[in-house]
Amino acid sequence: MDDDAIHDLFAGFGRVTIKRMFGGKGIYHDGLVFALEVGGEILLKADAVSAPDFAAAGSRQWVYKGQARAGPVAMPYWTIPDSAVDDAEDVTQWARLAYEAALRSGRKAKPKKSRK
């Protein structure tokens, strides 16, 4: 998914910034990553509070193949529910849930080092 499409998708949520990472993109709002773009798919952050809502809506949790010994690794990111994909208001509500999970995780983006 290109950056313009990502900005359009989250237009109702507010200003987002996009940074390339891990072969995909991190999607940030107010310095917190709340979504990822991986393989052309948007994944929203969830936690113990919000993951049940994503599961109940039919979202799929992102699982990637870890090292052979460790096996598959479930990540705290979920697909946007199919029912919300074409509904800007619904996408905005799910983005808010993802941002709230990011706030609870307390991980701020690292500040850029100043060049001297």
C-alpha atoms as a PDB file:
ATOM      1  CA  MET A   1       0.000   0.000   0.000  1.00  0.00           C
ATOM      2  CA  ASP A   2       1.494   3.362  -0.912  1.00  0.00           C
ATOM      3  CA  ASP A   3       1.852   6.239   1.549  1.00  0.00           C
ATOM      4  CA  ASP A   4      -0.954   8.295  -0.015  1.00  0.00           C
ATOM      5  CA  ALA A   5      -3.407   5.414   0.405  1.00  0.00           C
ATOM      6  CA  ILE A   6      -2.360   5.041   4.056  1.00  0.00           C
ATOM      7  CA  HIS A   7      -2.878   8.765   4.669  1.00  0.00           C
ATOM      8  CA  ASP A   8      -6.298   8.538   3.004  1.00  0.00           C
ATOM      9  CA  LEU A   9      -7.252   5.487   5.074  1.00  0.00           C
ATOM     10  CA  PHE A  10      -6.536   7.295   8.343  1.00  0.00           C
ATOM     11  CA  ALA A  11      -7.692  10.783   7.283  1.00  0.00           C
ATOM     12  CA  GLY A  12     -10.579  10.718   9.767  1.00  0.00           C
ATOM     13  CA  PHE A  13      -8.256   9.721  12.601  1.00  0.00           C
ATOM     14  CA  GLY A  14      -5.797  12.584  12.264  1.00  0.00           C
ATOM     15  CA  ARG A  15      -2.267  13.241  11.102  1.00  0.00           C
ATOM     16  CA  VAL A  16      -0.128  10.148  10.672  1.00  0.00           C
ATOM     17  CA  THR A  17       3.518   9.763   9.775  1.00  0.00           C
ATOM     18  CA  ILE A  18       4.969   6.764   8.013  1.00  0.00           C
ATOM     19  CA  LYS A  19       8.445   5.288   8.424  1.00  0.00           C
ATOM     20  CA  ARG A  20       9.933   2.322   6.627  1.00  0.00           C
ATOM     21  CA  MET A  21      10.822  -0.544   8.940  1.00  0.00           C
ATOM     22  CA  PHE A  22      11.386  -4.329   8.824  1.00  0.00           C
ATOM     23  CA  GLY A  23      10.422  -4.636   5.175  1.00  0.00           C
ATOM     24  CA  GLY A  24       7.166  -2.780   5.831  1.00  0.00           C
ATOM     25  CA  LYS A  25       6.083   0.527   7.297  1.00  0.00           C
ATOM     26  CA  GLY A  26       5.387   1.816  10.776  1.00  0.00           C
ATOM     27  CA  ILE A  27       2.390   4.154  11.000  1.00  0.00           C
ATOM     28  CA  TYR A  28       2.593   6.727  13.794  1.00  0.00           C
ATOM     29  CA  HIS A  29       0.243   9.203  15.436  1.00  0.00           C
ATOM     30  CA  ASP A  30       1.649  11.695  17.953  1.00  0.00           C
ATOM     31  CA  GLY A  31       4.950   9.799  18.074  1.00  0.00           C
ATOM     32  CA  LEU A  32       3.452   6.376  18.795  1.00  0.00           C
ATOM     33  CA  VAL A  33       3.290   3.478  16.373  1.00  0.00           C
ATOM     34  CA  PHE A  34      -0.315   2.291  16.249  1.00  0.00           C
ATOM     35  CA  ALA A  35      -0.296   0.413  12.951  1.00  0.00           C
ATOM     36  CA  LEU A  36       1.966  -1.384  10.508  1.00  0.00           C
ATOM     37  CA  GLU A  37       1.843  -2.006   6.801  1.00  0.00           C
ATOM     38  CA  VAL A  38       3.232  -5.459   6.039  1.00  0.00           C
ATOM     39  CA  GLY A  39       2.947  -7.131   2.670  1.00  0.00           C
ATOM     40  CA  GLY A  40       0.382  -4.584   1.502  1.00  0.00           C
ATOM     41  CA  GLU A  41      -1.883  -5.185   4.507  1.00  0.00           C
ATOM     42  CA  ILE A  42      -2.606  -2.734   7.324  1.00  0.00           C
ATOM     43  CA  LEU A  43      -2.324  -4.147  10.842  1.00  0.00           C
ATOM     44  CA  LEU A  44      -3.553  -2.302  13.934  1.00  0.00           C
ATOM     45  CA  LYS A  45      -1.951  -2.531  17.377  1.00  0.00           C
ATOM     46  CA  ALA A  46      -3.909  -4.339  20.078  1.00  0.00           C
ATOM     47  CA  ASP A  47      -3.287  -5.447  23.639  1.00  0.00           C
ATOM     48  CA  ALA A  48      -5.013  -7.513  26.319  1.00  0.00           C
ATOM     49  CA  VAL A  49      -7.723  -4.844  26.572  1.00  0.00           C
ATOM     50  CA  SER A  50      -8.535  -4.483  22.871  1.00  0.00           C
ATOM     51  CA  ALA A  51      -7.503  -7.807  21.295  1.00  0.00           C
ATOM     52  CA  PRO A  52     -10.822  -9.469  22.250  1.00  0.00           C
ATOM     53  CA  ASP A  53     -12.661  -6.741  20.297  1.00  0.00           C
ATOM     54  CA  PHE A  54     -10.524  -7.382  17.215  1.00  0.00           C
ATOM     55  CA  ALA A  55     -11.058 -11.142  17.530  1.00  0.00           C
ATOM     56  CA  ALA A  56     -14.828 -10.726  17.962  1.00  0.00           C
ATOM     57  CA  ALA A  57     -14.946  -8.580  14.806  1.00  0.00           C
ATOM     58  CA  GLY A  58     -13.245 -11.329  12.788  1.00  0.00           C
ATOM     59  CA  SER A  59      -9.791  -9.755  12.571  1.00  0.00           C
ATOM     60  CA  ARG A  60      -6.740 -11.977  12.226  1.00  0.00           C
ATOM     61  CA  GLN A  61      -3.711 -11.617  14.458  1.00  0.00           C
ATOM     62  CA  TRP A  62      -0.382 -11.211  12.669  1.00  0.00           C
ATOM     63  CA  VAL A  63       1.788 -14.278  13.138  1.00  0.00           C
ATOM     64  CA  TYR A  64       5.181 -14.564  11.507  1.00  0.00           C
ATOM     65  CA  LYS A  65       7.517 -17.496  11.229  1.00  0.00           C
ATOM     66  CA  GLY A  66      10.157 -17.156  13.914  1.00  0.00           C
ATOM     67  CA  GLN A  67      13.375 -19.096  14.106  1.00  0.00           C
ATOM     68  CA  ALA A  68      12.969 -22.831  13.558  1.00  0.00           C
ATOM     69  CA  ARG A  69      13.393 -23.553  17.260  1.00  0.00           C
ATOM     70  CA  ALA A  70      10.916 -20.922  18.415  1.00  0.00           C
ATOM     71  CA  GLY A  71       8.256 -21.518  15.773  1.00  0.00           C
ATOM     72  CA  PRO A  72       5.529 -18.998  14.846  1.00  0.00           C
ATOM     73  CA  VAL A  73       5.466 -15.731  16.784  1.00  0.00           C
ATOM     74  CA  ALA A  74       2.143 -13.962  17.436  1.00  0.00           C
ATOM     75  CA  MET A  75       2.523 -10.194  17.294  1.00  0.00           C
ATOM     76  CA  PRO A  76       0.251  -7.603  18.940  1.00  0.00           C
ATOM     77  CA  TYR A  77      -1.120  -6.441  15.575  1.00  0.00           C
ATOM     78  CA  TRP A  78      -4.433  -7.381  13.977  1.00  0.00           C
ATOM     79  CA  THR A  79      -6.012  -6.877  10.571  1.00  0.00           C
ATOM     80  CA  ILE A  80      -8.674  -4.228  10.152  1.00  0.00           C
ATOM     81  CA  PRO A  81     -12.044  -6.001  10.399  1.00  0.00           C
ATOM     82  CA  ASP A  82     -13.459  -6.698   6.931  1.00  0.00           C
ATOM     83  CA  SER A  83     -16.660  -4.831   7.856  1.00  0.00           C
ATOM     84  CA  ALA A  84     -14.644  -1.649   8.468  1.00  0.00           C
ATOM     85  CA  VAL A  85     -12.348  -1.629   5.439  1.00  0.00           C
ATOM     86  CA  ASP A  86     -14.692   0.441   3.253  1.00  0.00           C
ATOM     87  CA  ASP A  87     -16.183   2.548   6.055  1.00  0.00           C
ATOM     88  CA  ALA A  88     -14.146   5.617   7.015  1.00  0.00           C
ATOM     89  CA  GLU A  89     -15.939   6.056  10.360  1.00  0.00           C
ATOM     90  CA  ASP A  90     -15.354   2.431  11.336  1.00  0.00           C
ATOM     91  CA  VAL A  91     -11.677   2.588  10.343  1.00  0.00           C
ATOM     92  CA  THR A  92     -11.342   5.698  12.503  1.00  0.00           C
ATOM     93  CA  GLN A  93     -12.856   3.891  15.510  1.00  0.00           C
ATOM     94  CA  TRP A  94     -10.502   0.921  15.075  1.00  0.00           C
ATOM     95  CA  ALA A  95      -7.539   3.299  14.672  1.00  0.00           C
ATOM     96  CA  ARG A  96      -8.510   4.936  17.984  1.00  0.00           C
ATOM     97  CA  LEU A  97      -8.544   1.531  19.681  1.00  0.00           C
ATOM     98  CA  ALA A  98      -5.099   0.822  18.230  1.00  0.00           C
ATOM     99  CA  TYR A  99      -3.771   4.191  19.376  1.00  0.00           C
ATOM    100  CA  GLU A 100      -5.158   3.603  22.884  1.00  0.00           C
ATOM    101  CA  ALA A 101      -3.268   0.281  22.958  1.00  0.00           C
ATOM    102  CA  ALA A 102      -0.121   2.150  21.907  1.00  0.00           C
ATOM    103  CA  LEU A 103      -0.677   4.649  24.722  1.00  0.00           C
ATOM    104  CA  ARG A 104      -1.040   1.829  27.236  1.00  0.00           C
ATOM    105  CA  SER A 105       2.171   0.220  26.024  1.00  0.00           C
ATOM    106  CA  GLY A 106       3.976   3.495  26.728  1.00  0.00           C
ATOM    107  CA  ARG A 107       6.513   3.152  23.957  1.00  0.00           C
ATOM    108  CA  LYS A 108       7.366   6.512  22.489  1.00  0.00           C
ATOM    109  CA  ALA A 109       9.247   6.849  19.238  1.00  0.00           C
ATOM    110  CA  LYS A 110      12.928   7.435  19.809  1.00  0.00           C
ATOM    111  CA  PRO A 111      13.853  11.095  19.356  1.00  0.00           C
ATOM    112  CA  LYS A 112      16.173  11.798  16.475  1.00  0.00           C
ATOM    113  CA  LYS A 113      19.729  12.629  17.430  1.00  0.00           C
ATOM    114  CA  SER A 114      20.687  16.167  16.599  1.00  0.00           C
ATOM    115  CA  ARG A 115      23.611  16.650  14.270  1.00  0.00           C
ATOM    116  CA  LYS A 116      26.378  18.888  15.458  1.00  0.00           C
END
